[in-house]
Amino acid sequence: MLKYGIIGGNENALEFIDAADISEKWQLTAAFTETAREMAAIREKHPETVFFSDLNAFFKSPNFTTVFISSSSPNMRHFPQIKQAILAGKNVIVQPPALTN
């Protein structure tokens, strides 16, 4: 079972979570959200998930090995988040998959 964390909680992020659940090979264990609405949407289906409001603490978490950076995180933040994830030894999946900076 691959344990993963997620940044963001918009519709695309929730669809990724649903697809990961269907596969039965991925387990959501950590989430970084900036809004209570996003947190509530994830917590509804995954109450066992550990939630973070501090990105540094999120990436230091040993609870996951892979992070999905969703499109609810502004694109201008993707590169710094990807870099931070890699430096923390995490595998990265990002949506959208291309960066402009």
PDB file of N, CA and C in Angstrom:
ATOM      1  N   MET A   1       0.860  -1.179   0.000  1.00  0.00           N
ATOM      2  CA  MET A   1       0.000   0.000   0.000  1.00  0.00           C
ATOM      3  C   MET A   1       0.903   1.238   0.000  1.00  0.00           C
ATOM      4  N   LEU A   2       0.700   2.107  -0.973  1.00  0.00           N
ATOM      5  CA  LEU A   2       1.474   3.331  -1.073  1.00  0.00           C
ATOM      6  C   LEU A   2       0.767   4.424  -0.272  1.00  0.00           C
ATOM      7  N   LYS A   3       1.462   4.966   0.699  1.00  0.00           N
ATOM      8  CA  LYS A   3       0.888   6.030   1.529  1.00  0.00           C
ATOM      9  C   LYS A   3       1.247   7.371   0.907  1.00  0.00           C
ATOM     10  N   TYR A   4       0.215   8.196   0.709  1.00  0.00           N
ATOM     11  CA  TYR A   4       0.458   9.478   0.055  1.00  0.00           C
ATOM     12  C   TYR A   4      -0.191  10.626   0.810  1.00  0.00           C
ATOM     13  N   GLY A   5       0.343  11.808   0.529  1.00  0.00           N
ATOM     14  CA  GLY A   5      -0.213  13.043   1.044  1.00  0.00           C
ATOM     15  C   GLY A   5      -0.708  13.868  -0.128  1.00  0.00           C
ATOM     16  N   ILE A   6      -1.528  14.848   0.167  1.00  0.00           N
ATOM     17  CA  ILE A   6      -2.096  15.687  -0.879  1.00  0.00           C
ATOM     18  C   ILE A   6      -2.028  17.138  -0.457  1.00  0.00           C
ATOM     19  N   ILE A   7      -1.781  18.006  -1.441  1.00  0.00           N
ATOM     20  CA  ILE A   7      -1.834  19.450  -1.212  1.00  0.00           C
ATOM     21  C   ILE A   7      -3.058  19.954  -1.952  1.00  0.00           C
ATOM     22  N   GLY A   8      -3.982  20.528  -1.207  1.00  0.00           N
ATOM     23  CA  GLY A   8      -5.198  21.070  -1.806  1.00  0.00           C
ATOM     24  C   GLY A   8      -6.375  20.128  -1.675  1.00  0.00           C
ATOM     25  N   GLY A   9      -7.551  20.661  -1.946  1.00  0.00           N
ATOM     26  CA  GLY A   9      -8.752  19.853  -1.798  1.00  0.00           C
ATOM     27  C   GLY A   9      -9.869  20.259  -2.738  1.00  0.00           C
ATOM     28  N   ASN A  10      -9.505  20.723  -3.928  1.00  0.00           N
ATOM     29  CA  ASN A  10     -10.543  21.096  -4.886  1.00  0.00           C
ATOM     30  C   ASN A  10     -11.136  19.848  -5.531  1.00  0.00           C
ATOM     31  N   GLU A  11     -12.002  20.040  -6.507  1.00  0.00           N
ATOM     32  CA  GLU A  11     -12.683  18.922  -7.162  1.00  0.00           C
ATOM     33  C   GLU A  11     -11.688  17.936  -7.793  1.00  0.00           C
ATOM     34  N   ASN A  12     -10.645  18.463  -8.431  1.00  0.00           N
ATOM     35  CA  ASN A  12      -9.639  17.590  -9.045  1.00  0.00           C
ATOM     36  C   ASN A  12      -8.915  16.755  -7.992  1.00  0.00           C
ATOM     37  N   ALA A  13      -8.598  17.359  -6.871  1.00  0.00           N
ATOM     38  CA  ALA A  13      -7.939  16.629  -5.797  1.00  0.00           C
ATOM     39  C   ALA A  13      -8.846  15.525  -5.257  1.00  0.00           C
ATOM     40  N   LEU A  14     -10.125  15.848  -5.099  1.00  0.00           N
ATOM     41  CA  LEU A  14     -11.069  14.850  -4.586  1.00  0.00           C
ATOM     42  C   LEU A  14     -11.254  13.708  -5.579  1.00  0.00           C
ATOM     43  N   GLU A  15     -11.210  14.015  -6.875  1.00  0.00           N
ATOM     44  CA  GLU A  15     -11.290  12.965  -7.889  1.00  0.00           C
ATOM     45  C   GLU A  15     -10.057  12.061  -7.837  1.00  0.00           C
ATOM     46  N   PHE A  16      -8.885  12.651  -7.596  1.00  0.00           N
ATOM     47  CA  PHE A  16      -7.666  11.851  -7.464  1.00  0.00           C
ATOM     48  C   PHE A  16      -7.784  10.922  -6.253  1.00  0.00           C
ATOM     49  N   ILE A  17      -8.283  11.460  -5.149  1.00  0.00           N
ATOM     50  CA  ILE A  17      -8.458  10.655  -3.936  1.00  0.00           C
ATOM     51  C   ILE A  17      -9.408   9.493  -4.216  1.00  0.00           C
ATOM     52  N   ASP A  18     -10.523   9.774  -4.892  1.00  0.00           N
ATOM     53  CA  ASP A  18     -11.480   8.708  -5.222  1.00  0.00           C
ATOM     54  C   ASP A  18     -10.840   7.631  -6.095  1.00  0.00           C
ATOM     55  N   ALA A  19     -10.071   8.050  -7.106  1.00  0.00           N
ATOM     56  CA  ALA A  19      -9.412   7.088  -7.991  1.00  0.00           C
ATOM     57  C   ALA A  19      -8.386   6.253  -7.210  1.00  0.00           C
ATOM     58  N   ALA A  20      -7.654   6.893  -6.334  1.00  0.00           N
ATOM     59  CA  ALA A  20      -6.676   6.167  -5.519  1.00  0.00           C
ATOM     60  C   ALA A  20      -7.378   5.152  -4.618  1.00  0.00           C
ATOM     61  N   ASP A  21      -8.522   5.532  -4.069  1.00  0.00           N
ATOM     62  CA  ASP A  21      -9.297   4.609  -3.228  1.00  0.00           C
ATOM     63  C   ASP A  21      -9.763   3.395  -4.035  1.00  0.00           C
ATOM     64  N   ILE A  22     -10.241   3.641  -5.258  1.00  0.00           N
ATOM     65  CA  ILE A  22     -10.726   2.554  -6.102  1.00  0.00           C
ATOM     66  C   ILE A  22      -9.617   1.556  -6.400  1.00  0.00           C
ATOM     67  N   SER A  23      -8.402   2.056  -6.578  1.00  0.00           N
ATOM     68  CA  SER A  23      -7.280   1.168  -6.902  1.00  0.00           C
ATOM     69  C   SER A  23      -6.945   0.216  -5.761  1.00  0.00           C
ATOM     70  N   GLU A  24      -7.273   0.614  -4.555  1.00  0.00           N
ATOM     71  CA  GLU A  24      -6.957  -0.145  -3.348  1.00  0.00           C
ATOM     72  C   GLU A  24      -5.452  -0.365  -3.178  1.00  0.00           C
ATOM     73  N   LYS A  25      -4.663   0.483  -3.833  1.00  0.00           N
ATOM     74  CA  LYS A  25      -3.205   0.402  -3.719  1.00  0.00           C
ATOM     75  C   LYS A  25      -2.608   1.660  -3.116  1.00  0.00           C
ATOM     76  N   TRP A  26      -3.433   2.675  -2.912  1.00  0.00           N
ATOM     77  CA  TRP A  26      -2.997   3.952  -2.362  1.00  0.00           C
ATOM     78  C   TRP A  26      -3.794   4.248  -1.097  1.00  0.00           C
ATOM     79  N   GLN A  27      -3.131   4.835  -0.122  1.00  0.00           N
ATOM     80  CA  GLN A  27      -3.804   5.215   1.121  1.00  0.00           C
ATOM     81  C   GLN A  27      -3.471   6.666   1.444  1.00  0.00           C
ATOM     82  N   LEU A  28      -4.496   7.504   1.532  1.00  0.00           N
ATOM     83  CA  LEU A  28      -4.308   8.905   1.905  1.00  0.00           C
ATOM     84  C   LEU A  28      -4.023   8.973   3.400  1.00  0.00           C
ATOM     85  N   THR A  29      -2.860   9.514   3.758  1.00  0.00           N
ATOM     86  CA  THR A  29      -2.483   9.568   5.172  1.00  0.00           C
ATOM     87  C   THR A  29      -2.212  10.984   5.666  1.00  0.00           C
ATOM     88  N   ALA A  30      -2.032  11.956   4.737  1.00  0.00           N
ATOM     89  CA  ALA A  30      -1.718  13.327   5.146  1.00  0.00           C
ATOM     90  C   ALA A  30      -2.280  14.301   4.120  1.00  0.00           C
ATOM     91  N   ALA A  31      -2.674  15.476   4.601  1.00  0.00           N
ATOM     92  CA  ALA A  31      -3.201  16.502   3.700  1.00  0.00           C
ATOM     93  C   ALA A  31      -2.800  17.886   4.197  1.00  0.00           C
ATOM     94  N   PHE A  32      -2.389  18.718   3.256  1.00  0.00           N
ATOM     95  CA  PHE A  32      -2.128  20.125   3.533  1.00  0.00           C
ATOM     96  C   PHE A  32      -3.231  20.906   2.850  1.00  0.00           C
ATOM     97  N   THR A  33      -4.015  21.620   3.623  1.00  0.00           N
ATOM     98  CA  THR A  33      -5.100  22.430   3.066  1.00  0.00           C
ATOM     99  C   THR A  33      -5.023  23.832   3.642  1.00  0.00           C
ATOM    100  N   GLU A  34      -5.463  24.779   2.849  1.00  0.00           N
ATOM    101  CA  GLU A  34      -5.452  26.169   3.303  1.00  0.00           C
ATOM    102  C   GLU A  34      -6.821  26.661   3.727  1.00  0.00           C
ATOM    103  N   THR A  35      -7.860  25.884   3.444  1.00  0.00           N
ATOM    104  CA  THR A  35      -9.202  26.326   3.816  1.00  0.00           C
ATOM    105  C   THR A  35      -9.930  25.238   4.598  1.00  0.00           C
ATOM    106  N   ALA A  36     -10.815  25.666   5.448  1.00  0.00           N
ATOM    107  CA  ALA A  36     -11.625  24.718   6.224  1.00  0.00           C
ATOM    108  C   ALA A  36     -12.545  23.920   5.306  1.00  0.00           C
ATOM    109  N   ARG A  37     -12.984  24.523   4.213  1.00  0.00           N
ATOM    110  CA  ARG A  37     -13.852  23.837   3.257  1.00  0.00           C
ATOM    111  C   ARG A  37     -13.132  22.658   2.630  1.00  0.00           C
ATOM    112  N   GLU A  38     -11.875  22.871   2.206  1.00  0.00           N
ATOM    113  CA  GLU A  38     -11.096  21.779   1.621  1.00  0.00           C
ATOM    114  C   GLU A  38     -10.854  20.674   2.644  1.00  0.00           C
ATOM    115  N   MET A  39     -10.537  21.072   3.868  1.00  0.00           N
ATOM    116  CA  MET A  39     -10.298  20.089   4.915  1.00  0.00           C
ATOM    117  C   MET A  39     -11.551  19.258   5.164  1.00  0.00           C
ATOM    118  N   ALA A  40     -12.689  19.911   5.235  1.00  0.00           N
ATOM    119  CA  ALA A  40     -13.947  19.203   5.501  1.00  0.00           C
ATOM    120  C   ALA A  40     -14.278  18.229   4.383  1.00  0.00           C
ATOM    121  N   ALA A  41     -14.014  18.629   3.136  1.00  0.00           N
ATOM    122  CA  ALA A  41     -14.321  17.759   1.995  1.00  0.00           C
ATOM    123  C   ALA A  41     -13.491  16.478   2.046  1.00  0.00           C
ATOM    124  N   ILE A  42     -12.239  16.589   2.445  1.00  0.00           N
ATOM    125  CA  ILE A  42     -11.380  15.411   2.546  1.00  0.00           C
ATOM    126  C   ILE A  42     -11.721  14.598   3.791  1.00  0.00           C
ATOM    127  N   ARG A  43     -11.913  15.286   4.900  1.00  0.00           N
ATOM    128  CA  ARG A  43     -12.172  14.603   6.178  1.00  0.00           C
ATOM    129  C   ARG A  43     -13.461  13.780   6.134  1.00  0.00           C
ATOM    130  N   GLU A  44     -14.407  14.213   5.309  1.00  0.00           N
ATOM    131  CA  GLU A  44     -15.691  13.505   5.200  1.00  0.00           C
ATOM    132  C   GLU A  44     -15.489  12.036   4.823  1.00  0.00           C
ATOM    133  N   LYS A  45     -14.588  11.766   3.890  1.00  0.00           N
ATOM    134  CA  LYS A  45     -14.342  10.394   3.443  1.00  0.00           C
ATOM    135  C   LYS A  45     -13.120   9.758   4.097  1.00  0.00           C
ATOM    136  N   HIS A  46     -12.231  10.587   4.636  1.00  0.00           N
ATOM    137  CA  HIS A  46     -10.976  10.090   5.202  1.00  0.00           C
ATOM    138  C   HIS A  46     -10.710  10.721   6.568  1.00  0.00           C
ATOM    139  N   PRO A  47     -11.517  10.374   7.559  1.00  0.00           N
ATOM    140  CA  PRO A  47     -11.348  10.994   8.879  1.00  0.00           C
ATOM    141  C   PRO A  47     -10.024  10.642   9.548  1.00  0.00           C
ATOM    142  N   GLU A  48      -9.365   9.565   9.099  1.00  0.00           N
ATOM    143  CA  GLU A  48      -8.095   9.139   9.696  1.00  0.00           C
ATOM    144  C   GLU A  48      -6.904   9.936   9.179  1.00  0.00           C
ATOM    145  N   THR A  49      -7.103  10.747   8.152  1.00  0.00           N
ATOM    146  CA  THR A  49      -6.029  11.541   7.557  1.00  0.00           C
ATOM    147  C   THR A  49      -5.534  12.589   8.536  1.00  0.00           C
ATOM    148  N   VAL A  50      -4.208  12.770   8.587  1.00  0.00           N
ATOM    149  CA  VAL A  50      -3.601  13.816   9.414  1.00  0.00           C
ATOM    150  C   VAL A  50      -3.556  15.086   8.573  1.00  0.00           C
ATOM    151  N   PHE A  51      -4.091  16.178   9.113  1.00  0.00           N
ATOM    152  CA  PHE A  51      -4.154  17.442   8.383  1.00  0.00           C
ATOM    153  C   PHE A  51      -3.103  18.405   8.888  1.00  0.00           C
ATOM    154  N   PHE A  52      -2.546  19.174   7.953  1.00  0.00           N
ATOM    155  CA  PHE A  52      -1.508  20.147   8.260  1.00  0.00           C
ATOM    156  C   PHE A  52      -1.906  21.506   7.712  1.00  0.00           C
ATOM    157  N   SER A  53      -1.550  22.548   8.433  1.00  0.00           N
ATOM    158  CA  SER A  53      -1.717  23.913   7.934  1.00  0.00           C
ATOM    159  C   SER A  53      -0.350  24.561   7.736  1.00  0.00           C
ATOM    160  N   ASP A  54       0.714  23.837   8.093  1.00  0.00           N
ATOM    161  CA  ASP A  54       2.086  24.293   7.909  1.00  0.00           C
ATOM    162  C   ASP A  54       2.767  23.369   6.902  1.00  0.00           C
ATOM    163  N   LEU A  55       3.183  23.929   5.767  1.00  0.00           N
ATOM    164  CA  LEU A  55       3.757  23.120   4.696  1.00  0.00           C
ATOM    165  C   LEU A  55       5.065  22.449   5.118  1.00  0.00           C
ATOM    166  N   ASN A  56       5.881  23.143   5.911  1.00  0.00           N
ATOM    167  CA  ASN A  56       7.134  22.540   6.380  1.00  0.00           C
ATOM    168  C   ASN A  56       6.864  21.306   7.234  1.00  0.00           C
ATOM    169  N   ALA A  57       5.914  21.405   8.118  1.00  0.00           N
ATOM    170  CA  ALA A  57       5.558  20.252   8.966  1.00  0.00           C
ATOM    171  C   ALA A  57       4.987  19.125   8.112  1.00  0.00           C
ATOM    172  N   PHE A  58       4.202  19.473   7.111  1.00  0.00           N
ATOM    173  CA  PHE A  58       3.632  18.479   6.198  1.00  0.00           C
ATOM    174  C   PHE A  58       4.744  17.664   5.542  1.00  0.00           C
ATOM    175  N   PHE A  59       5.742  18.348   4.965  1.00  0.00           N
ATOM    176  CA  PHE A  59       6.802  17.633   4.266  1.00  0.00           C
ATOM    177  C   PHE A  59       7.737  16.870   5.204  1.00  0.00           C
ATOM    178  N   LYS A  60       7.789  17.245   6.458  1.00  0.00           N
ATOM    179  CA  LYS A  60       8.599  16.513   7.437  1.00  0.00           C
ATOM    180  C   LYS A  60       7.894  15.258   7.945  1.00  0.00           C
ATOM    181  N   SER A  61       6.623  15.126   7.647  1.00  0.00           N
ATOM    182  CA  SER A  61       5.843  14.002   8.141  1.00  0.00           C
ATOM    183  C   SER A  61       6.353  12.680   7.565  1.00  0.00           C
ATOM    184  N   PRO A  62       6.537  11.683   8.429  1.00  0.00           N
ATOM    185  CA  PRO A  62       6.935  10.356   7.952  1.00  0.00           C
ATOM    186  C   PRO A  62       5.728   9.522   7.506  1.00  0.00           C
ATOM    187  N   ASN A  63       4.525  10.101   7.548  1.00  0.00           N
ATOM    188  CA  ASN A  63       3.293   9.378   7.248  1.00  0.00           C
ATOM    189  C   ASN A  63       3.095   9.054   5.778  1.00  0.00           C
ATOM    190  N   PHE A  64       3.888   9.641   4.879  1.00  0.00           N
ATOM    191  CA  PHE A  64       3.680   9.410   3.448  1.00  0.00           C
ATOM    192  C   PHE A  64       5.000   9.491   2.693  1.00  0.00           C
ATOM    193  N   THR A  65       5.024   8.828   1.517  1.00  0.00           N
ATOM    194  CA  THR A  65       6.223   8.830   0.678  1.00  0.00           C
ATOM    195  C   THR A  65       6.021   9.577  -0.630  1.00  0.00           C
ATOM    196  N   THR A  66       4.767   9.779  -1.015  1.00  0.00           N
ATOM    197  CA  THR A  66       4.434  10.429  -2.279  1.00  0.00           C
ATOM    198  C   THR A  66       3.442  11.551  -2.006  1.00  0.00           C
ATOM    199  N   VAL A  67       3.577  12.645  -2.736  1.00  0.00           N
ATOM    200  CA  VAL A  67       2.650  13.760  -2.580  1.00  0.00           C
ATOM    201  C   VAL A  67       2.010  14.077  -3.924  1.00  0.00           C
ATOM    202  N   PHE A  68       0.700  14.330  -3.881  1.00  0.00           N
ATOM    203  CA  PHE A  68      -0.036  14.805  -5.057  1.00  0.00           C
ATOM    204  C   PHE A  68      -0.284  16.289  -4.847  1.00  0.00           C
ATOM    205  N   ILE A  69       0.278  17.121  -5.731  1.00  0.00           N
ATOM    206  CA  ILE A  69       0.067  18.566  -5.665  1.00  0.00           C
ATOM    207  C   ILE A  69      -1.034  18.887  -6.663  1.00  0.00           C
ATOM    208  N   SER A  70      -2.195  19.238  -6.140  1.00  0.00           N
ATOM    209  CA  SER A  70      -3.366  19.427  -7.002  1.00  0.00           C
ATOM    210  C   SER A  70      -3.422  20.833  -7.574  1.00  0.00           C
ATOM    211  N   SER A  71      -4.285  20.994  -8.542  1.00  0.00           N
ATOM    212  CA  SER A  71      -4.448  22.296  -9.193  1.00  0.00           C
ATOM    213  C   SER A  71      -5.105  23.325  -8.278  1.00  0.00           C
ATOM    214  N   SER A  72      -5.560  22.910  -7.088  1.00  0.00           N
ATOM    215  CA  SER A  72      -6.111  23.908  -6.166  1.00  0.00           C
ATOM    216  C   SER A  72      -4.996  24.719  -5.523  1.00  0.00           C
ATOM    217  N   SER A  73      -3.782  24.194  -5.568  1.00  0.00           N
ATOM    218  CA  SER A  73      -2.623  24.976  -5.157  1.00  0.00           C
ATOM    219  C   SER A  73      -2.270  25.870  -6.341  1.00  0.00           C
ATOM    220  N   PRO A  74      -2.138  27.179  -6.136  1.00  0.00           N
ATOM    221  CA  PRO A  74      -1.841  28.066  -7.269  1.00  0.00           C
ATOM    222  C   PRO A  74      -0.588  27.612  -8.027  1.00  0.00           C
ATOM    223  N   ASN A  75      -0.643  27.676  -9.359  1.00  0.00           N
ATOM    224  CA  ASN A  75       0.468  27.213 -10.191  1.00  0.00           C
ATOM    225  C   ASN A  75       1.794  27.870  -9.825  1.00  0.00           C
ATOM    226  N   MET A  76       1.761  29.127  -9.402  1.00  0.00           N
ATOM    227  CA  MET A  76       3.006  29.810  -9.059  1.00  0.00           C
ATOM    228  C   MET A  76       3.674  29.172  -7.838  1.00  0.00           C
ATOM    229  N   ARG A  77       2.929  28.391  -7.064  1.00  0.00           N
ATOM    230  CA  ARG A  77       3.497  27.706  -5.895  1.00  0.00           C
ATOM    231  C   ARG A  77       4.006  26.304  -6.229  1.00  0.00           C
ATOM    232  N   HIS A  78       3.672  25.799  -7.401  1.00  0.00           N
ATOM    233  CA  HIS A  78       4.017  24.414  -7.714  1.00  0.00           C
ATOM    234  C   HIS A  78       5.519  24.153  -7.688  1.00  0.00           C
ATOM    235  N   PHE A  79       6.314  24.992  -8.352  1.00  0.00           N
ATOM    236  CA  PHE A  79       7.751  24.731  -8.372  1.00  0.00           C
ATOM    237  C   PHE A  79       8.341  24.709  -6.967  1.00  0.00           C
ATOM    238  N   PRO A  80       8.079  25.719  -6.119  1.00  0.00           N
ATOM    239  CA  PRO A  80       8.640  25.655  -4.763  1.00  0.00           C
ATOM    240  C   PRO A  80       8.144  24.433  -3.975  1.00  0.00           C
ATOM    241  N   GLN A  81       6.885  24.046  -4.173  1.00  0.00           N
ATOM    242  CA  GLN A  81       6.363  22.868  -3.478  1.00  0.00           C
ATOM    243  C   GLN A  81       7.018  21.590  -3.980  1.00  0.00           C
ATOM    244  N   ILE A  82       7.211  21.492  -5.295  1.00  0.00           N
ATOM    245  CA  ILE A  82       7.875  20.326  -5.867  1.00  0.00           C
ATOM    246  C   ILE A  82       9.301  20.231  -5.342  1.00  0.00           C
ATOM    247  N   LYS A  83      10.004  21.346  -5.351  1.00  0.00           N
ATOM    248  CA  LYS A  83      11.386  21.370  -4.862  1.00  0.00           C
ATOM    249  C   LYS A  83      11.442  20.969  -3.396  1.00  0.00           C
ATOM    250  N   GLN A  84      10.545  21.513  -2.600  1.00  0.00           N
ATOM    251  CA  GLN A  84      10.505  21.182  -1.177  1.00  0.00           C
ATOM    252  C   GLN A  84      10.213  19.697  -0.971  1.00  0.00           C
ATOM    253  N   ALA A  85       9.315  19.153  -1.772  1.00  0.00           N
ATOM    254  CA  ALA A  85       8.984  17.731  -1.675  1.00  0.00           C
ATOM    255  C   ALA A  85      10.192  16.861  -2.009  1.00  0.00           C
ATOM    256  N   ILE A  86      10.876  17.195  -3.099  1.00  0.00           N
ATOM    257  CA  ILE A  86      12.044  16.418  -3.500  1.00  0.00           C
ATOM    258  C   ILE A  86      13.129  16.491  -2.431  1.00  0.00           C
ATOM    259  N   LEU A  87      13.371  17.675  -1.903  1.00  0.00           N
ATOM    260  CA  LEU A  87      14.379  17.825  -0.853  1.00  0.00           C
ATOM    261  C   LEU A  87      14.003  17.053   0.411  1.00  0.00           C
ATOM    262  N   ALA A  88      12.700  16.833   0.604  1.00  0.00           N
ATOM    263  CA  ALA A  88      12.228  16.059   1.755  1.00  0.00           C
ATOM    264  C   ALA A  88      12.216  14.562   1.463  1.00  0.00           C
ATOM    265  N   GLY A  89      12.639  14.183   0.251  1.00  0.00           N
ATOM    266  CA  GLY A  89      12.693  12.773  -0.111  1.00  0.00           C
ATOM    267  C   GLY A  89      11.363  12.171  -0.531  1.00  0.00           C
ATOM    268  N   LYS A  90      10.435  13.020  -0.942  1.00  0.00           N
ATOM    269  CA  LYS A  90       9.109  12.552  -1.361  1.00  0.00           C
ATOM    270  C   LYS A  90       9.041  12.388  -2.877  1.00  0.00           C
ATOM    271  N   ASN A  91       8.267  11.422  -3.338  1.00  0.00           N
ATOM    272  CA  ASN A  91       7.920  11.308  -4.750  1.00  0.00           C
ATOM    273  C   ASN A  91       6.833  12.342  -5.022  1.00  0.00           C
ATOM    274  N   VAL A  92       6.769  12.847  -6.259  1.00  0.00           N
ATOM    275  CA  VAL A  92       5.842  13.947  -6.563  1.00  0.00           C
ATOM    276  C   VAL A  92       4.988  13.637  -7.786  1.00  0.00           C
ATOM    277  N   ILE A  93       3.688  13.902  -7.636  1.00  0.00           N
ATOM    278  CA  ILE A  93       2.739  13.922  -8.744  1.00  0.00           C
ATOM    279  C   ILE A  93       2.145  15.324  -8.710  1.00  0.00           C
ATOM    280  N   VAL A  94       2.138  15.999  -9.848  1.00  0.00           N
ATOM    281  CA  VAL A  94       1.640  17.374  -9.859  1.00  0.00           C
ATOM    282  C   VAL A  94       0.638  17.558 -10.988  1.00  0.00           C
ATOM    283  N   GLN A  95      -0.380  18.344 -10.696  1.00  0.00           N
ATOM    284  CA  GLN A  95      -1.393  18.674 -11.691  1.00  0.00           C
ATOM    285  C   GLN A  95      -1.506  20.185 -11.760  1.00  0.00           C
ATOM    286  N   PRO A  96      -1.315  20.824 -12.884  1.00  0.00           N
ATOM    287  CA  PRO A  96      -0.973  20.241 -14.174  1.00  0.00           C
ATOM    288  C   PRO A  96       0.494  19.813 -14.190  1.00  0.00           C
ATOM    289  N   PRO A  97       0.846  18.920 -15.119  1.00  0.00           N
ATOM    290  CA  PRO A  97       2.182  18.357 -15.104  1.00  0.00           C
ATOM    291  C   PRO A  97       3.281  19.266 -15.661  1.00  0.00           C
ATOM    292  N   ALA A  98       2.956  20.431 -16.195  1.00  0.00           N
ATOM    293  CA  ALA A  98       3.955  21.336 -16.743  1.00  0.00           C
ATOM    294  C   ALA A  98       4.028  22.603 -15.904  1.00  0.00           C
ATOM    295  N   LEU A  99       5.207  23.195 -15.863  1.00  0.00           N
ATOM    296  CA  LEU A  99       5.421  24.428 -15.103  1.00  0.00           C
ATOM    297  C   LEU A  99       5.898  25.519 -16.035  1.00  0.00           C
ATOM    298  N   THR A 100       5.592  26.763 -15.676  1.00  0.00           N
ATOM    299  CA  THR A 100       6.042  27.891 -16.472  1.00  0.00           C
ATOM    300  C   THR A 100       7.163  28.659 -15.776  1.00  0.00           C
ATOM    301  N   ASN A 101       7.491  28.307 -14.538  1.00  0.00           N
ATOM    302  CA  ASN A 101       8.571  29.011 -13.842  1.00  0.00           C
ATOM    303  C   ASN A 101       9.499  28.037 -13.169  1.00  0.00           C
TER     304      ASN A 101
END
